[in-house]
Every structure is written in structure tokens, then in C-alpha cells.
């Protein structure tokens, strides 16, 4: 007579068959994956094509500049949340550089040309004030077309908050600001309020560009003649020039030797 055998439902084979069946993610798992995607989104900036354009102009992205400043993982502060999460054109964080904490902000030119609106203007102001509150240096990497025009007066409000914050920390903590790319309007005003301003070659900052000068005054002038490192270093607007972005970033950390703490 054949013996009766009761299969163990917990046997490895049974477990394997059970686990092989694909189940739909729970709502919690779906939200967790969505959260991870949101955290990764700012690192992509405005997308591959815009990053490629930035590189073709000989410029780094804001995330690449951060990696030059430190090899340690940055602590990103005041992140923007929402369906269009992309850092809102500006990244703020705390970096550990040469044994000290440093507050950092940097415009992401691949997102809305790094322009400022009321939201990211408030975020920038909060980062600047936090540096003063905690007594840590500030590094600012400017690469901005100025105020975000579609936001109307919101862009001006954003800059006014950042201007006020920069004045409040003046004389309290050192602020080393760097000019990258092509900066106009508020993107040119704010950096000069810092303690130390560095401008590499092939960059521009000014009230407006050569095209507007040509239209308004009928004068032909190049971007370098109007707001390049030579003219700004001669006038005293810029404290130090550098051959390229890498040199400017290196000089920014070296300048800490001149500051206390």
C-alpha cells in the first residue's frame, strides 16, 4: 500500500513557487519609489540635452562644481518638492571642505537658465542667513540669467530677500562668490555684495548685455569688453581672476586660509 504523504507547505520548493508569483506593489512601496525618484530628479537638472549644451560652452553643471569643491557627499538643504522638482534653478547645501562645514549655493543654468523667482529667492536667502546663524563660511556659484520674467514681480521679491540676507551676514562670516557663465541683472548685483569675488576667463556679468547696449546706444561692444574679468578686475569690482572654472573653484577653498575658524 502506498504511504500517504502530506507535503510541507513551508518546504523550500513551496516557498520558491510562492515568491515567484509577482505581486503588485503596495501603496507604501509605490510612494517610497516615488520619493526616491524625486530625490534623484534634481541631479538630472534640465535634462541631458541642456546638460550637453552647458558642456559644449565649456561650463560645468552645478553638481559637477560641487564635486570639485569636495569629494564628500553634500547635505542638500531646503529642497523643493513637487511634480516639477528640479531644484528650481538653484541648489543649496552644506559641504565639508578641508575639515570645516561650508554653506554653498549654486545656480543650475540647465533649469530656467538659473533664474530667480519668489520661491527659490526665499530658499537662497534662507541659506545665506543660515550661514550667518551657524558661523560658517558661504560659497556662492553664480550662473544666472537674472529674475524669472514669467514670475513677474516675484523674481524681484526673490532677489530682494537674497540681497537683504547677504547684507545681514556681512562682517559676520566670510562669503566667497564666483561668477560662471553669463550673468545679467540681479545675477550680477548680488555677487558683489559678498566678501570676495572671483571671476574666471570667458565669463560675463553686468546690468545688461551687448545687444541691449547696441540697441539703446548704437555702440558695438563685446561681452568681454562690457563685463569680462579684465574690465571688472581693473575697476575693482572683482577681487581675483582665474583661467577657468576649475581654477576659480580651487581659489575659493584656498581663500579660507585668510579667514578665521
Protein backbone atom coordinates (compact mmCIF):
# COMPACT_ATOMS: atom_id res chain seq x y z
CA UNK A 1 0.00 0.00 0.00
CA UNK A 2 1.31 3.44 -0.92
CA UNK A 3 2.01 5.58 2.09
CA UNK A 4 0.08 8.77 2.47
CA UNK A 5 2.37 11.84 2.41
CA UNK A 6 1.43 15.31 3.47
CA UNK A 7 3.58 17.94 1.71
CA UNK A 8 5.06 20.57 3.93
CA UNK A 9 3.63 23.90 2.76
CA UNK A 10 6.72 25.62 4.18
CA UNK A 11 9.17 23.49 2.22
CA UNK A 12 11.73 25.44 0.11
CA UNK A 13 10.02 24.41 -3.11
CA UNK A 14 6.69 25.76 -1.94
CA UNK A 15 8.29 28.99 -0.82
CA UNK A 16 10.02 29.38 -4.15
CA UNK A 17 6.79 28.92 -6.05
CA UNK A 18 5.04 31.39 -3.83
CA UNK A 19 7.75 34.03 -4.13
CA UNK A 20 7.92 33.58 -7.88
CA UNK A 21 4.43 34.97 -8.18
CA UNK A 22 4.73 38.67 -8.91
CA UNK A 23 2.57 40.83 -6.72
CA UNK A 24 1.60 44.43 -7.22
CA UNK A 25 3.50 46.94 -5.10
CA UNK A 26 1.62 48.21 -2.10
CA UNK A 27 0.75 51.89 -1.91
CA UNK A 28 3.56 52.34 0.61
CA UNK A 29 6.10 50.75 -1.77
CA UNK A 30 4.84 52.89 -4.65
CA UNK A 31 5.20 56.07 -2.62
CA UNK A 32 8.66 55.01 -1.45
CA UNK A 33 9.81 54.52 -5.04
CA UNK A 34 8.29 57.87 -5.98
CA UNK A 35 10.18 59.53 -3.14
CA UNK A 36 13.46 58.02 -4.34
CA UNK A 37 12.76 59.29 -7.86
CA UNK A 38 12.10 62.79 -6.52
CA UNK A 39 15.39 62.79 -4.62
CA UNK A 40 17.25 61.82 -7.79
CA UNK A 41 15.49 64.28 -10.10
CA UNK A 42 17.48 67.43 -9.18
CA UNK A 43 20.72 65.64 -10.11
CA UNK A 44 19.49 65.43 -13.71
CA UNK A 45 18.92 69.19 -13.93
CA UNK A 46 17.08 70.29 -17.03
CA UNK A 47 17.77 67.05 -18.88
CA UNK A 48 20.53 65.50 -20.98
CA UNK A 49 20.21 67.96 -23.88
CA UNK A 50 20.59 71.05 -21.68
CA UNK A 51 23.50 69.48 -19.82
CA UNK A 52 25.14 68.80 -23.19
CA UNK A 53 24.69 72.46 -24.17
CA UNK A 54 26.29 73.53 -20.89
CA UNK A 55 29.28 71.28 -21.55
CA UNK A 56 29.60 72.49 -25.15
CA UNK A 57 30.01 76.01 -23.79
CA UNK A 58 32.92 74.81 -21.67
CA UNK A 59 30.94 75.04 -18.43
CA UNK A 60 30.33 72.53 -15.67
CA UNK A 61 26.91 71.83 -14.20
CA UNK A 62 26.27 72.92 -10.63
CA UNK A 63 26.59 69.31 -9.43
CA UNK A 64 29.97 68.94 -11.14
CA UNK A 65 31.16 72.14 -9.48
CA UNK A 66 30.10 70.77 -6.10
CA UNK A 67 32.18 67.65 -6.73
CA UNK A 68 35.22 69.85 -7.38
CA UNK A 69 34.75 71.55 -4.01
CA UNK A 70 34.59 68.28 -2.07
CA UNK A 71 34.66 64.54 -2.60
CA UNK A 72 32.33 64.01 0.35
CA UNK A 73 28.58 63.60 -0.02
CA UNK A 74 26.84 67.01 0.15
CA UNK A 75 23.96 67.62 2.53
CA UNK A 76 21.33 69.32 0.38
CA UNK A 77 19.21 71.85 2.26
CA UNK A 78 15.84 73.48 1.57
CA UNK A 79 14.97 71.21 -1.35
CA UNK A 80 11.92 71.98 -3.48
CA UNK A 81 9.19 69.36 -3.50
CA UNK A 82 6.51 68.95 -6.16
CA UNK A 83 5.72 67.41 -9.52
CA UNK A 84 8.27 69.66 -11.21
CA UNK A 85 11.08 69.01 -8.72
CA UNK A 86 14.35 70.09 -10.30
CA UNK A 87 15.99 72.24 -7.64
CA UNK A 88 14.06 75.22 -9.07
CA UNK A 89 17.18 76.50 -10.77
CA UNK A 90 19.28 76.78 -7.62
CA UNK A 91 20.89 74.22 -5.32
CA UNK A 92 21.68 74.92 -1.66
CA UNK A 93 23.66 72.66 0.64
CA UNK A 94 26.28 72.14 3.32
CA UNK A 95 29.65 70.76 2.24
CA UNK A 96 32.54 69.50 4.35
CA UNK A 97 35.65 71.14 2.88
CA UNK A 98 39.12 70.77 4.39
CA UNK A 99 37.74 69.86 7.78
CA UNK A 100 35.11 72.57 8.07
CA UNK A 101 31.43 72.95 7.22
CA UNK A 102 30.69 75.39 4.41
CA UNK A 103 27.31 76.67 3.24
CA UNK A 104 27.05 76.57 -0.55
CA UNK A 105 24.60 77.74 -3.17
CA UNK A 106 24.82 77.32 -6.91
CA UNK A 107 22.57 78.22 -9.83
CA UNK A 108 21.62 75.37 -12.15
CA UNK A 109 21.74 77.01 -15.57
CA UNK A 110 20.18 73.91 -17.16
CA UNK A 111 16.92 74.77 -15.35
CA UNK A 112 15.31 78.04 -16.49
CA UNK A 113 18.79 79.49 -17.06
CA UNK A 114 19.31 79.55 -13.29
CA UNK A 115 16.79 82.38 -12.97
CA UNK A 116 15.34 83.54 -9.65
CA UNK A 117 11.67 83.66 -8.67
CA UNK A 118 9.97 84.26 -5.33
CA UNK A 119 10.32 80.62 -4.25
CA UNK A 120 13.98 79.97 -4.91
CA UNK A 121 14.81 83.54 -3.92
CA UNK A 122 13.45 82.75 -0.46
CA UNK A 123 15.39 79.48 -0.49
CA UNK A 124 18.61 81.32 -1.34
CA UNK A 125 18.00 83.93 1.37
CA UNK A 126 17.41 81.20 3.96
CA UNK A 127 20.68 79.51 3.03
CA UNK A 128 22.62 82.77 3.35
CA UNK A 129 21.07 83.56 6.74
CA UNK A 130 21.76 80.03 7.96
CA UNK A 131 25.47 80.53 7.23
CA UNK A 132 25.44 83.60 9.46
CA UNK A 133 23.43 81.91 12.22
CA UNK A 134 25.82 78.95 12.41
CA UNK A 135 29.00 80.95 11.85
CA UNK A 136 30.15 79.05 8.76
CA UNK A 137 31.59 80.44 5.50
CA UNK A 138 29.48 80.79 2.37
CA UNK A 139 30.47 79.90 -1.19
CA UNK A 140 28.18 81.10 -3.97
CA UNK A 141 28.46 79.76 -7.53
CA UNK A 142 26.60 82.25 -9.71
CA UNK A 143 25.39 81.21 -13.17
CA UNK A 144 22.10 83.02 -13.67
CA UNK A 145 20.19 84.98 -16.29
CA UNK A 146 18.63 87.06 -13.51
CA UNK A 147 14.99 87.28 -12.46
CA UNK A 148 12.49 84.75 -13.83
CA UNK A 149 10.37 87.04 -16.03
CA UNK A 150 7.19 84.86 -16.11
CA UNK A 151 7.02 85.21 -12.32
CA UNK A 152 6.62 88.98 -12.68
CA UNK A 153 7.48 90.92 -9.54
CA UNK A 154 8.04 87.59 -7.79
CA UNK A 155 11.52 87.45 -9.26
CA UNK A 156 12.29 90.89 -7.84
CA UNK A 157 10.90 89.84 -4.46
CA UNK A 158 13.17 86.80 -4.51
CA UNK A 159 16.24 88.92 -5.17
CA UNK A 160 15.29 91.50 -2.54
CA UNK A 161 15.22 88.74 0.10
CA UNK A 162 18.61 87.44 -1.02
CA UNK A 163 20.11 90.98 -1.07
CA UNK A 164 18.88 91.66 2.47
CA UNK A 165 20.22 88.33 3.71
CA UNK A 166 23.65 88.98 2.21
CA UNK A 167 23.88 92.35 3.93
CA UNK A 168 22.91 90.79 7.28
CA UNK A 169 25.81 88.32 7.24
CA UNK A 170 28.33 90.91 6.02
CA UNK A 171 31.16 91.15 8.54
CA UNK A 172 29.89 88.10 10.43
CA UNK A 173 31.03 85.24 8.17
CA UNK A 174 33.16 85.31 5.00
CA UNK A 175 31.33 84.89 1.70
CA UNK A 176 33.32 83.85 -1.37
CA UNK A 177 31.32 84.28 -4.56
CA UNK A 178 32.24 83.02 -8.02
CA UNK A 179 30.98 84.10 -11.43
CA UNK A 180 30.33 81.42 -14.03
CA UNK A 181 28.71 81.68 -17.43
CA UNK A 182 26.69 84.73 -18.46
CA UNK A 183 25.06 86.68 -15.63
CA UNK A 184 22.74 89.66 -16.02
CA UNK A 185 20.50 91.83 -13.86
CA UNK A 186 20.15 90.53 -10.32
CA UNK A 187 22.54 87.73 -11.19
CA UNK A 188 25.23 90.42 -11.45
CA UNK A 189 24.20 92.60 -8.49
CA UNK A 190 24.07 90.01 -5.72
CA UNK A 191 27.62 88.56 -6.00
CA UNK A 192 29.37 91.89 -5.47
CA UNK A 193 27.82 92.11 -2.01
CA UNK A 194 30.00 89.22 -0.86
CA UNK A 195 33.35 89.45 0.91
CA UNK A 196 35.39 88.17 -2.02
CA UNK A 197 34.54 87.86 -5.72
CA UNK A 198 36.31 85.58 -8.21
CA UNK A 199 35.75 85.66 -11.98
CA UNK A 200 37.32 83.18 -14.44
CA UNK A 201 38.00 83.86 -18.12
CA UNK A 202 35.22 83.58 -20.71
CA UNK A 203 32.51 84.74 -18.32
CA UNK A 204 30.34 87.85 -18.15
CA UNK A 205 28.28 89.75 -15.64
CA UNK A 206 26.65 93.14 -15.94
CA UNK A 207 23.43 95.12 -15.85
CA UNK A 208 22.65 94.01 -19.39
CA UNK A 209 24.36 92.52 -22.42
CA UNK A 210 25.97 93.85 -25.62
CA UNK A 211 22.78 93.51 -27.67
CA UNK A 212 20.86 95.92 -25.45
CA UNK A 213 23.77 98.38 -25.49
CA UNK A 214 23.76 98.22 -29.27
CA UNK A 215 20.01 98.83 -29.46
CA UNK A 216 19.96 101.60 -26.85
CA UNK A 217 23.20 103.46 -27.62
CA UNK A 218 24.16 102.27 -31.08
CA UNK A 219 27.56 101.13 -29.79
CA UNK A 220 29.18 97.83 -30.72
CA UNK A 221 30.87 96.20 -27.76
CA UNK A 222 31.74 92.61 -26.90
CA UNK A 223 30.64 90.79 -23.76
CA UNK A 224 34.26 90.62 -22.59
CA UNK A 225 34.74 94.38 -23.06
CA UNK A 226 31.49 95.11 -21.25
CA UNK A 227 31.62 92.70 -18.32
CA UNK A 228 34.55 90.31 -18.63
CA UNK A 229 37.24 89.64 -15.99
CA UNK A 230 39.68 92.21 -17.41
CA UNK A 231 37.35 95.18 -17.11
CA UNK A 232 36.00 94.10 -13.71
CA UNK A 233 39.43 93.42 -12.22
CA UNK A 234 40.65 96.81 -13.45
CA UNK A 235 37.67 98.64 -11.92
CA UNK A 236 37.97 96.72 -8.65
CA UNK A 237 34.60 95.00 -8.91
CA UNK A 238 36.36 91.62 -9.00
CA UNK A 239 38.97 90.71 -6.38
CA UNK A 240 40.59 87.83 -8.23
CA UNK A 241 40.54 86.37 -11.74
CA UNK A 242 41.15 82.74 -12.72
CA UNK A 243 41.98 80.98 -16.01
CA UNK A 244 38.91 78.74 -15.85
CA UNK A 245 36.15 77.34 -13.64
CA UNK A 246 38.42 74.76 -12.05
CA UNK A 247 40.91 77.45 -11.06
CA UNK A 248 38.16 79.63 -9.59
CA UNK A 249 36.77 76.76 -7.52
CA UNK A 250 40.24 75.88 -6.24
CA UNK A 251 40.91 79.52 -5.33
CA UNK A 252 37.62 79.71 -3.43
CA UNK A 253 38.63 76.98 -1.00
CA UNK A 254 42.19 78.31 -0.72
CA UNK A 255 40.79 81.68 0.38
CA UNK A 256 39.57 80.05 3.61
CA UNK A 257 43.16 80.30 4.83
CA UNK A 258 42.60 84.05 5.01
CA UNK A 259 39.50 83.71 7.18
CA UNK A 260 39.19 82.70 10.86
CA UNK A 261 37.63 79.46 12.08
